[in-house]
PDB file of N, CA and C in Angstrom:
ATOM      1  N   MET A   1      -2.994   8.574 -14.621  1.00  0.00           N
ATOM      2  CA  MET A   1      -1.613   8.351 -14.984  1.00  0.00           C
ATOM      3  C   MET A   1      -1.489   6.915 -15.501  1.00  0.00           C
ATOM      4  N   ILE A   2      -0.899   6.775 -16.634  1.00  0.00           N
ATOM      5  CA  ILE A   2      -0.716   5.473 -17.269  1.00  0.00           C
ATOM      6  C   ILE A   2       0.752   5.074 -17.114  1.00  0.00           C
ATOM      7  N   PHE A   3       1.005   3.774 -16.973  1.00  0.00           N
ATOM      8  CA  PHE A   3       2.369   3.293 -16.748  1.00  0.00           C
ATOM      9  C   PHE A   3       3.331   3.701 -17.860  1.00  0.00           C
ATOM     10  N   SER A   4       2.831   3.846 -19.081  1.00  0.00           N
ATOM     11  CA  SER A   4       3.721   4.200 -20.192  1.00  0.00           C
ATOM     12  C   SER A   4       3.759   5.708 -20.458  1.00  0.00           C
ATOM     13  N   SER A   5       3.114   6.513 -19.618  1.00  0.00           N
ATOM     14  CA  SER A   5       3.118   7.959 -19.849  1.00  0.00           C
ATOM     15  C   SER A   5       4.434   8.577 -19.372  1.00  0.00           C
ATOM     16  N   TYR A   6       4.756   9.729 -19.927  1.00  0.00           N
ATOM     17  CA  TYR A   6       5.971  10.429 -19.537  1.00  0.00           C
ATOM     18  C   TYR A   6       5.898  10.903 -18.085  1.00  0.00           C
ATOM     19  N   VAL A   7       4.713  11.252 -17.634  1.00  0.00           N
ATOM     20  CA  VAL A   7       4.542  11.692 -16.246  1.00  0.00           C
ATOM     21  C   VAL A   7       4.931  10.569 -15.292  1.00  0.00           C
ATOM     22  N   PHE A   8       4.513   9.349 -15.611  1.00  0.00           N
ATOM     23  CA  PHE A   8       4.851   8.210 -14.753  1.00  0.00           C
ATOM     24  C   PHE A   8       6.342   7.878 -14.848  1.00  0.00           C
ATOM     25  N   ILE A   9       6.839   7.724 -16.061  1.00  0.00           N
ATOM     26  CA  ILE A   9       8.219   7.250 -16.262  1.00  0.00           C
ATOM     27  C   ILE A   9       9.258   8.253 -15.764  1.00  0.00           C
ATOM     28  N   PHE A  10       9.058   9.532 -16.038  1.00  0.00           N
ATOM     29  CA  PHE A  10      10.069  10.531 -15.696  1.00  0.00           C
ATOM     30  C   PHE A  10       9.745  11.343 -14.438  1.00  0.00           C
ATOM     31  N   GLY A  11       8.563  11.166 -13.896  1.00  0.00           N
ATOM     32  CA  GLY A  11       8.175  11.913 -12.708  1.00  0.00           C
ATOM     33  C   GLY A  11       7.900  11.015 -11.515  1.00  0.00           C
ATOM     34  N   PHE A  12       6.817  10.280 -11.609  1.00  0.00           N
ATOM     35  CA  PHE A  12       6.357   9.487 -10.475  1.00  0.00           C
ATOM     36  C   PHE A  12       7.327   8.356 -10.118  1.00  0.00           C
ATOM     37  N   LEU A  13       7.723   7.568 -11.088  1.00  0.00           N
ATOM     38  CA  LEU A  13       8.588   6.405 -10.830  1.00  0.00           C
ATOM     39  C   LEU A  13       9.927   6.789 -10.200  1.00  0.00           C
ATOM     40  N   PRO A  14      10.661   7.769 -10.739  1.00  0.00           N
ATOM     41  CA  PRO A  14      11.928   8.142 -10.085  1.00  0.00           C
ATOM     42  C   PRO A  14      11.739   8.656  -8.655  1.00  0.00           C
ATOM     43  N   ILE A  15      10.679   9.426  -8.426  1.00  0.00           N
ATOM     44  CA  ILE A  15      10.429   9.921  -7.075  1.00  0.00           C
ATOM     45  C   ILE A  15      10.159   8.768  -6.115  1.00  0.00           C
ATOM     46  N   MET A  16       9.362   7.811  -6.554  1.00  0.00           N
ATOM     47  CA  MET A  16       9.034   6.676  -5.695  1.00  0.00           C
ATOM     48  C   MET A  16      10.266   5.800  -5.438  1.00  0.00           C
ATOM     49  N   LEU A  17      11.054   5.552  -6.453  1.00  0.00           N
ATOM     50  CA  LEU A  17      12.257   4.730  -6.279  1.00  0.00           C
ATOM     51  C   LEU A  17      13.265   5.412  -5.351  1.00  0.00           C
ATOM     52  N   LEU A  18      13.524   6.683  -5.600  1.00  0.00           N
ATOM     53  CA  LEU A  18      14.474   7.412  -4.752  1.00  0.00           C
ATOM     54  C   LEU A  18      13.961   7.535  -3.318  1.00  0.00           C
ATOM     55  N   GLY A  19      12.683   7.801  -3.160  1.00  0.00           N
ATOM     56  CA  GLY A  19      12.120   7.926  -1.822  1.00  0.00           C
ATOM     57  C   GLY A  19      12.159   6.618  -1.055  1.00  0.00           C
ATOM     58  N   PHE A  20      11.762   5.531  -1.709  1.00  0.00           N
ATOM     59  CA  PHE A  20      11.735   4.231  -1.039  1.00  0.00           C
ATOM     60  C   PHE A  20      13.140   3.774  -0.659  1.00  0.00           C
ATOM     61  N   TYR A  21      14.045   3.753  -1.630  1.00  0.00           N
ATOM     62  CA  TYR A  21      15.398   3.277  -1.340  1.00  0.00           C
ATOM     63  C   TYR A  21      16.186   4.267  -0.475  1.00  0.00           C
ATOM     64  N   GLY A  22      15.859   5.543  -0.584  1.00  0.00           N
ATOM     65  CA  GLY A  22      16.492   6.524   0.290  1.00  0.00           C
ATOM     66  C   GLY A  22      16.105   6.309   1.743  1.00  0.00           C
ATOM     67  N   LEU A  23      14.829   6.041   1.986  1.00  0.00           N
ATOM     68  CA  LEU A  23      14.383   5.767   3.360  1.00  0.00           C
ATOM     69  C   LEU A  23      14.932   4.439   3.863  1.00  0.00           C
ATOM     70  N   ARG A  24      15.025   3.443   2.994  1.00  0.00           N
ATOM     71  CA  ARG A  24      15.581   2.151   3.404  1.00  0.00           C
ATOM     72  C   ARG A  24      17.078   2.249   3.675  1.00  0.00           C
ATOM     73  N   PHE A  25      17.755   3.153   2.989  1.00  0.00           N
ATOM     74  CA  PHE A  25      19.190   3.322   3.194  1.00  0.00           C
ATOM     75  C   PHE A  25      19.475   3.761   4.624  1.00  0.00           C
ATOM     76  N   PHE A  26      18.591   4.561   5.177  1.00  0.00           N
ATOM     77  CA  PHE A  26      18.749   5.023   6.551  1.00  0.00           C
ATOM     78  C   PHE A  26      18.062   4.105   7.547  1.00  0.00           C
ATOM     79  N   GLU A  27      17.758   2.878   7.113  1.00  0.00           N
ATOM     80  CA  GLU A  27      17.150   1.844   7.948  1.00  0.00           C
ATOM     81  C   GLU A  27      15.822   2.291   8.552  1.00  0.00           C
ATOM     82  N   LYS A  28      15.035   2.955   7.757  1.00  0.00           N
ATOM     83  CA  LYS A  28      13.699   3.382   8.163  1.00  0.00           C
ATOM     84  C   LYS A  28      12.685   2.570   7.357  1.00  0.00           C
ATOM     85  N   ASN A  29      12.642   1.258   7.582  1.00  0.00           N
ATOM     86  CA  ASN A  29      11.781   0.388   6.791  1.00  0.00           C
ATOM     87  C   ASN A  29      10.311   0.750   6.923  1.00  0.00           C
ATOM     88  N   PHE A  30       9.878   1.123   8.133  1.00  0.00           N
ATOM     89  CA  PHE A  30       8.480   1.488   8.316  1.00  0.00           C
ATOM     90  C   PHE A  30       8.131   2.718   7.487  1.00  0.00           C
ATOM     91  N   LEU A  31       9.001   3.709   7.508  1.00  0.00           N
ATOM     92  CA  LEU A  31       8.749   4.921   6.725  1.00  0.00           C
ATOM     93  C   LEU A  31       8.795   4.636   5.226  1.00  0.00           C
ATOM     94  N   ALA A  32       9.666   3.726   4.807  1.00  0.00           N
ATOM     95  CA  ALA A  32       9.743   3.369   3.392  1.00  0.00           C
ATOM     96  C   ALA A  32       8.448   2.707   2.940  1.00  0.00           C
ATOM     97  N   LYS A  33       7.905   1.820   3.766  1.00  0.00           N
ATOM     98  CA  LYS A  33       6.643   1.159   3.429  1.00  0.00           C
ATOM     99  C   LYS A  33       5.493   2.165   3.429  1.00  0.00           C
ATOM    100  N   LEU A  34       5.484   3.059   4.396  1.00  0.00           N
ATOM    101  CA  LEU A  34       4.452   4.079   4.463  1.00  0.00           C
ATOM    102  C   LEU A  34       4.529   5.001   3.241  1.00  0.00           C
ATOM    103  N   PHE A  35       5.737   5.309   2.811  1.00  0.00           N
ATOM    104  CA  PHE A  35       5.941   6.115   1.611  1.00  0.00           C
ATOM    105  C   PHE A  35       5.325   5.429   0.394  1.00  0.00           C
ATOM    106  N   LEU A  36       5.516   4.113   0.274  1.00  0.00           N
ATOM    107  CA  LEU A  36       4.932   3.368  -0.840  1.00  0.00           C
ATOM    108  C   LEU A  36       3.415   3.347  -0.772  1.00  0.00           C
ATOM    109  N   VAL A  37       2.867   3.206   0.424  1.00  0.00           N
ATOM    110  CA  VAL A  37       1.405   3.191   0.571  1.00  0.00           C
ATOM    111  C   VAL A  37       0.819   4.522   0.105  1.00  0.00           C
ATOM    112  N   PHE A  38       1.367   5.624   0.605  1.00  0.00           N
ATOM    113  CA  PHE A  38       0.839   6.926   0.205  1.00  0.00           C
ATOM    114  C   PHE A  38       1.109   7.222  -1.266  1.00  0.00           C
ATOM    115  N   GLY A  39       2.237   6.748  -1.780  1.00  0.00           N
ATOM    116  CA  GLY A  39       2.518   6.899  -3.206  1.00  0.00           C
ATOM    117  C   GLY A  39       1.523   6.128  -4.058  1.00  0.00           C
ATOM    118  N   SER A  40       1.161   4.938  -3.615  1.00  0.00           N
ATOM    119  CA  SER A  40       0.170   4.135  -4.339  1.00  0.00           C
ATOM    120  C   SER A  40      -1.198   4.807  -4.317  1.00  0.00           C
ATOM    121  N   LEU A  41      -1.574   5.323  -3.155  1.00  0.00           N
ATOM    122  CA  LEU A  41      -2.861   6.020  -3.068  1.00  0.00           C
ATOM    123  C   LEU A  41      -2.871   7.246  -3.978  1.00  0.00           C
ATOM    124  N   PHE A  42      -1.757   7.980  -4.019  1.00  0.00           N
ATOM    125  CA  PHE A  42      -1.669   9.126  -4.918  1.00  0.00           C
ATOM    126  C   PHE A  42      -1.775   8.687  -6.372  1.00  0.00           C
ATOM    127  N   PHE A  43      -1.111   7.574  -6.721  1.00  0.00           N
ATOM    128  CA  PHE A  43      -1.130   7.078  -8.090  1.00  0.00           C
ATOM    129  C   PHE A  43      -2.559   6.778  -8.532  1.00  0.00           C
ATOM    130  N   TYR A  44      -3.324   6.077  -7.700  1.00  0.00           N
ATOM    131  CA  TYR A  44      -4.693   5.740  -8.072  1.00  0.00           C
ATOM    132  C   TYR A  44      -5.609   6.959  -8.023  1.00  0.00           C
ATOM    133  N   ALA A  45      -5.367   7.887  -7.097  1.00  0.00           N
ATOM    134  CA  ALA A  45      -6.183   9.097  -7.020  1.00  0.00           C
ATOM    135  C   ALA A  45      -5.897  10.023  -8.198  1.00  0.00           C
ATOM    136  N   PHE A  46      -4.701   9.957  -8.752  1.00  0.00           N
ATOM    137  CA  PHE A  46      -4.340  10.795  -9.892  1.00  0.00           C
ATOM    138  C   PHE A  46      -5.229  10.491 -11.087  1.00  0.00           C
ATOM    139  N   TRP A  47      -5.626   9.228 -11.230  1.00  0.00           N
ATOM    140  CA  TRP A  47      -6.479   8.809 -12.342  1.00  0.00           C
ATOM    141  C   TRP A  47      -7.903   9.312 -12.134  1.00  0.00           C
ATOM    142  N   GLU A  48      -8.489   8.989 -10.968  1.00  0.00           N
ATOM    143  CA  GLU A  48      -9.856   9.423 -10.663  1.00  0.00           C
ATOM    144  C   GLU A  48     -10.004   9.504  -9.153  1.00  0.00           C
ATOM    145  N   VAL A  49      -9.995  10.714  -8.627  1.00  0.00           N
ATOM    146  CA  VAL A  49      -9.956  10.923  -7.180  1.00  0.00           C
ATOM    147  C   VAL A  49     -11.242  10.438  -6.495  1.00  0.00           C
ATOM    148  N   LYS A  50     -12.335  10.364  -7.229  1.00  0.00           N
ATOM    149  CA  LYS A  50     -13.595   9.974  -6.599  1.00  0.00           C
ATOM    150  C   LYS A  50     -13.588   8.512  -6.146  1.00  0.00           C
ATOM    151  N   TYR A  51     -12.673   7.695  -6.661  1.00  0.00           N
ATOM    152  CA  TYR A  51     -12.606   6.296  -6.250  1.00  0.00           C
ATOM    153  C   TYR A  51     -11.645   6.060  -5.083  1.00  0.00           C
ATOM    154  N   LEU A  52     -10.995   7.102  -4.611  1.00  0.00           N
ATOM    155  CA  LEU A  52     -10.048   6.955  -3.509  1.00  0.00           C
ATOM    156  C   LEU A  52     -10.739   6.480  -2.231  1.00  0.00           C
ATOM    157  N   GLY A  53     -11.925   6.993  -1.952  1.00  0.00           N
ATOM    158  CA  GLY A  53     -12.679   6.553  -0.777  1.00  0.00           C
ATOM    159  C   GLY A  53     -13.023   5.079  -0.848  1.00  0.00           C
ATOM    160  N   LEU A  54     -13.409   4.613  -2.019  1.00  0.00           N
ATOM    161  CA  LEU A  54     -13.716   3.199  -2.204  1.00  0.00           C
ATOM    162  C   LEU A  54     -12.476   2.334  -1.993  1.00  0.00           C
ATOM    163  N   LEU A  55     -11.353   2.792  -2.484  1.00  0.00           N
ATOM    164  CA  LEU A  55     -10.100   2.059  -2.303  1.00  0.00           C
ATOM    165  C   LEU A  55      -9.715   1.991  -0.828  1.00  0.00           C
ATOM    166  N   LEU A  56      -9.833   3.108  -0.115  1.00  0.00           N
ATOM    167  CA  LEU A  56      -9.519   3.118   1.313  1.00  0.00           C
ATOM    168  C   LEU A  56     -10.473   2.225   2.102  1.00  0.00           C
ATOM    169  N   LEU A  57     -11.750   2.240   1.753  1.00  0.00           N
ATOM    170  CA  LEU A  57     -12.718   1.371   2.413  1.00  0.00           C
ATOM    171  C   LEU A  57     -12.376  -0.097   2.165  1.00  0.00           C
ATOM    172  N   SER A  58     -12.006  -0.426   0.949  1.00  0.00           N
ATOM    173  CA  SER A  58     -11.623  -1.792   0.616  1.00  0.00           C
ATOM    174  C   SER A  58     -10.394  -2.235   1.412  1.00  0.00           C
ATOM    175  N   ILE A  59      -9.427  -1.350   1.551  1.00  0.00           N
ATOM    176  CA  ILE A  59      -8.224  -1.663   2.323  1.00  0.00           C
ATOM    177  C   ILE A  59      -8.585  -1.933   3.780  1.00  0.00           C
ATOM    178  N   LEU A  60      -9.422  -1.084   4.359  1.00  0.00           N
ATOM    179  CA  LEU A  60      -9.811  -1.260   5.769  1.00  0.00           C
ATOM    180  C   LEU A  60     -10.620  -2.531   5.990  1.00  0.00           C
ATOM    181  N   VAL A  61     -11.541  -2.839   5.088  1.00  0.00           N
ATOM    182  CA  VAL A  61     -12.336  -4.065   5.221  1.00  0.00           C
ATOM    183  C   VAL A  61     -11.438  -5.287   5.102  1.00  0.00           C
ATOM    184  N   ASN A  62     -10.544  -5.301   4.128  1.00  0.00           N
ATOM    185  CA  ASN A  62      -9.632  -6.435   3.966  1.00  0.00           C
ATOM    186  C   ASN A  62      -8.715  -6.599   5.174  1.00  0.00           C
ATOM    187  N   TYR A  63      -8.247  -5.489   5.725  1.00  0.00           N
ATOM    188  CA  TYR A  63      -7.407  -5.543   6.916  1.00  0.00           C
ATOM    189  C   TYR A  63      -8.190  -6.114   8.095  1.00  0.00           C
ATOM    190  N   GLY A  64      -9.424  -5.676   8.257  1.00  0.00           N
ATOM    191  CA  GLY A  64     -10.259  -6.184   9.342  1.00  0.00           C
ATOM    192  C   GLY A  64     -10.531  -7.675   9.212  1.00  0.00           C
ATOM    193  N   ILE A  65     -10.846  -8.125   8.028  1.00  0.00           N
ATOM    194  CA  ILE A  65     -11.099  -9.553   7.800  1.00  0.00           C
ATOM    195  C   ILE A  65      -9.838 -10.366   8.055  1.00  0.00           C
ATOM    196  N   ALA A  66      -8.696  -9.892   7.584  1.00  0.00           N
ATOM    197  CA  ALA A  66      -7.436 -10.609   7.813  1.00  0.00           C
ATOM    198  C   ALA A  66      -7.111 -10.684   9.297  1.00  0.00           C
ATOM    199  N   THR A  67      -7.384  -9.605  10.023  1.00  0.00           N
ATOM    200  CA  THR A  67      -7.145  -9.596  11.471  1.00  0.00           C
ATOM    201  C   THR A  67      -8.026 -10.627  12.168  1.00  0.00           C
ATOM    202  N   LEU A  68      -9.292 -10.701  11.784  1.00  0.00           N
ATOM    203  CA  LEU A  68     -10.194 -11.698  12.368  1.00  0.00           C
ATOM    204  C   LEU A  68      -9.747 -13.124  12.058  1.00  0.00           C
ATOM    205  N   ILE A  69      -9.328 -13.359  10.833  1.00  0.00           N
ATOM    206  CA  ILE A  69      -8.856 -14.691  10.446  1.00  0.00           C
ATOM    207  C   ILE A  69      -7.633 -15.076  11.265  1.00  0.00           C
ATOM    208  N   LEU A  70      -6.681 -14.159  11.379  1.00  0.00           N
ATOM    209  CA  LEU A  70      -5.462 -14.465  12.154  1.00  0.00           C
ATOM    210  C   LEU A  70      -5.774 -14.674  13.629  1.00  0.00           C
ATOM    211  N   ARG A  71      -6.679 -13.890  14.187  1.00  0.00           N
ATOM    212  CA  ARG A  71      -7.052 -14.036  15.589  1.00  0.00           C
ATOM    213  C   ARG A  71      -7.732 -15.378  15.837  1.00  0.00           C
ATOM    214  N   ASN A  72      -8.620 -15.773  14.933  1.00  0.00           N
ATOM    215  CA  ASN A  72      -9.318 -17.050  15.089  1.00  0.00           C
ATOM    216  C   ASN A  72      -8.408 -18.240  14.842  1.00  0.00           C
ATOM    217  N   SER A  73      -7.475 -18.122  13.907  1.00  0.00           N
ATOM    218  CA  SER A  73      -6.571 -19.241  13.642  1.00  0.00           C
ATOM    219  C   SER A  73      -5.570 -19.397  14.790  1.00  0.00           C
ATOM    220  N   ALA A  74      -5.230 -18.308  15.470  1.00  0.00           N
ATOM    221  CA  ALA A  74      -4.301 -18.392  16.605  1.00  0.00           C
ATOM    222  C   ALA A  74      -4.961 -19.050  17.806  1.00  0.00           C
ATOM    223  N   THR A  75      -6.266 -18.886  17.980  1.00  0.00           N
ATOM    224  CA  THR A  75      -6.966 -19.506  19.111  1.00  0.00           C
ATOM    225  C   THR A  75      -7.354 -20.949  18.823  1.00  0.00           C
ATOM    226  N   ASN A  76      -7.354 -21.340  17.561  1.00  0.00           N
ATOM    227  CA  ASN A  76      -7.750 -22.702  17.188  1.00  0.00           C
ATOM    228  C   ASN A  76      -6.557 -23.572  16.821  1.00  0.00           C
ATOM    229  N   VAL A  77      -5.380 -23.229  17.252  1.00  0.00           N
ATOM    230  CA  VAL A  77      -4.192 -24.028  16.912  1.00  0.00           C
ATOM    231  C   VAL A  77      -4.307 -25.376  17.591  1.00  0.00           C
ATOM    232  N   GLY A  78      -4.236 -26.418  16.795  1.00  0.00           N
ATOM    233  CA  GLY A  78      -4.304 -27.774  17.327  1.00  0.00           C
ATOM    234  C   GLY A  78      -5.721 -28.275  17.536  1.00  0.00           C
ATOM    235  N   GLY A  79      -6.699 -27.442  17.366  1.00  0.00           N
ATOM    236  CA  GLY A  79      -8.085 -27.855  17.549  1.00  0.00           C
ATOM    237  C   GLY A  79      -8.740 -28.138  16.212  1.00  0.00           C
ATOM    238  N   GLY A  80      -8.599 -29.331  15.737  1.00  0.00           N
ATOM    239  CA  GLY A  80      -9.126 -29.689  14.430  1.00  0.00           C
ATOM    240  C   GLY A  80     -10.641 -29.732  14.418  1.00  0.00           C
ATOM    241  N   ALA A  81     -11.185 -30.217  13.327  1.00  0.00           N
ATOM    242  CA  ALA A  81     -12.629 -30.268  13.124  1.00  0.00           C
ATOM    243  C   ALA A  81     -13.290 -31.216  13.986  1.00  0.00           C
TER     244      ALA A  81
END
């Protein structure tokens, strides 16, 4: 799916906008964010589904590294070099 295609402009984009703002209207911010995550995964899988596993692996590795960085920076507060 290309950003300038009719499928994106008249199909995917309106569904994502209505879904996100509809969920936020009912104060379901977590569900709205989750909706965007799954919508993004669908968008990239629509182009080539075989790369979806690589994308998910990249997300998990980045999340793990960020968690380690935050955990280590929280224990080293005030402890300079």
